[in-house]
Amino acid sequence: MKPVIAALFVVLGLSACGVDGEPSKPEISARTTVGVNSGSGGYTDTELNIHIPLN
């Protein structure tokens, strides 16, 4: 898991500084759902998406 996180930071750093061309901003979105289920009670669901255009 640590190599994957390290690679992600390297890609983010290279795309942010413009080494590979014009810098592109990442798109970040989040969604949270809160609800009640009759079987298990209350629940929450959180989704976080980060999209980095690499081309």
C-alpha atoms as a PDB file:
ATOM      1  CA  MET A   1       0.000   0.000   0.000  1.00  0.00           C
ATOM      2  CA  LYS A   2       2.853   2.423   0.777  1.00  0.00           C
ATOM      3  CA  PRO A   3       4.371   2.173  -2.744  1.00  0.00           C
ATOM      4  CA  VAL A   4       0.976   3.005  -4.269  1.00  0.00           C
ATOM      5  CA  ILE A   5       0.638   6.104  -2.085  1.00  0.00           C
ATOM      6  CA  ALA A   6       4.219   7.156  -2.877  1.00  0.00           C
ATOM      7  CA  ALA A   7       3.580   6.751  -6.613  1.00  0.00           C
ATOM      8  CA  LEU A   8       0.406   8.824  -6.308  1.00  0.00           C
ATOM      9  CA  PHE A   9       2.344  11.670  -4.680  1.00  0.00           C
ATOM     10  CA  VAL A  10       5.011  11.517  -7.408  1.00  0.00           C
ATOM     11  CA  VAL A  11       2.363  11.733 -10.147  1.00  0.00           C
ATOM     12  CA  LEU A  12       0.607  14.575  -8.345  1.00  0.00           C
ATOM     13  CA  GLY A  13       3.866  16.449  -7.907  1.00  0.00           C
ATOM     14  CA  LEU A  14       4.916  16.072 -11.536  1.00  0.00           C
ATOM     15  CA  SER A  15       1.531  17.098 -12.894  1.00  0.00           C
ATOM     16  CA  ALA A  16       1.313  20.071 -10.514  1.00  0.00           C
ATOM     17  CA  CYS A  17       4.724  21.565 -11.325  1.00  0.00           C
ATOM     18  CA  GLY A  18       4.354  21.412 -15.100  1.00  0.00           C
ATOM     19  CA  VAL A  19       7.313  19.099 -15.854  1.00  0.00           C
ATOM     20  CA  ASP A  20       5.224  17.171 -18.381  1.00  0.00           C
ATOM     21  CA  GLY A  21       3.691  20.250 -20.033  1.00  0.00           C
ATOM     22  CA  GLU A  22       0.934  22.643 -19.090  1.00  0.00           C
ATOM     23  CA  PRO A  23      -0.221  22.015 -15.490  1.00  0.00           C
ATOM     24  CA  SER A  24      -3.706  20.540 -15.180  1.00  0.00           C
ATOM     25  CA  LYS A  25      -5.901  20.918 -12.140  1.00  0.00           C
ATOM     26  CA  PRO A  26      -7.282  17.773 -10.552  1.00  0.00           C
ATOM     27  CA  GLU A  27     -11.039  17.394 -10.213  1.00  0.00           C
ATOM     28  CA  ILE A  28     -12.230  16.503  -6.722  1.00  0.00           C
ATOM     29  CA  SER A  29     -15.767  15.513  -5.804  1.00  0.00           C
ATOM     30  CA  ALA A  30     -17.366  14.113  -2.664  1.00  0.00           C
ATOM     31  CA  ARG A  31     -20.752  12.673  -1.806  1.00  0.00           C
ATOM     32  CA  THR A  32     -22.164  11.695   1.585  1.00  0.00           C
ATOM     33  CA  THR A  33     -25.356   9.753   2.169  1.00  0.00           C
ATOM     34  CA  VAL A  34     -27.035   9.479   5.571  1.00  0.00           C
ATOM     35  CA  GLY A  35     -29.998   7.204   6.055  1.00  0.00           C
ATOM     36  CA  VAL A  36     -31.920   4.791   8.229  1.00  0.00           C
ATOM     37  CA  ASN A  37     -32.350   1.098   7.502  1.00  0.00           C
ATOM     38  CA  SER A  38     -35.052  -0.913   9.245  1.00  0.00           C
ATOM     39  CA  GLY A  39     -32.722  -3.899   9.597  1.00  0.00           C
ATOM     40  CA  SER A  40     -29.507  -2.319  10.880  1.00  0.00           C
ATOM     41  CA  GLY A  41     -30.482   1.199  11.967  1.00  0.00           C
ATOM     42  CA  GLY A  42     -28.688   4.376  10.910  1.00  0.00           C
ATOM     43  CA  TYR A  43     -25.892   4.368   8.382  1.00  0.00           C
ATOM     44  CA  THR A  44     -23.617   6.741   6.484  1.00  0.00           C
ATOM     45  CA  ASP A  45     -21.865   6.301   3.158  1.00  0.00           C
ATOM     46  CA  THR A  46     -19.099   8.638   2.006  1.00  0.00           C
ATOM     47  CA  GLU A  47     -17.534   8.653  -1.458  1.00  0.00           C
ATOM     48  CA  LEU A  48     -14.474  10.718  -2.443  1.00  0.00           C
ATOM     49  CA  ASN A  49     -13.277  10.916  -6.066  1.00  0.00           C
ATOM     50  CA  ILE A  50     -10.068  12.502  -7.339  1.00  0.00           C
ATOM     51  CA  HIS A  51      -9.504  12.659 -11.098  1.00  0.00           C
ATOM     52  CA  ILE A  52      -6.149  13.809 -12.452  1.00  0.00           C
ATOM     53  CA  PRO A  53      -6.075  14.211 -16.242  1.00  0.00           C
ATOM     54  CA  LEU A  54      -2.670  12.903 -17.338  1.00  0.00           C
ATOM     55  CA  ASN A  55      -2.850  13.749 -21.037  1.00  0.00           C
END
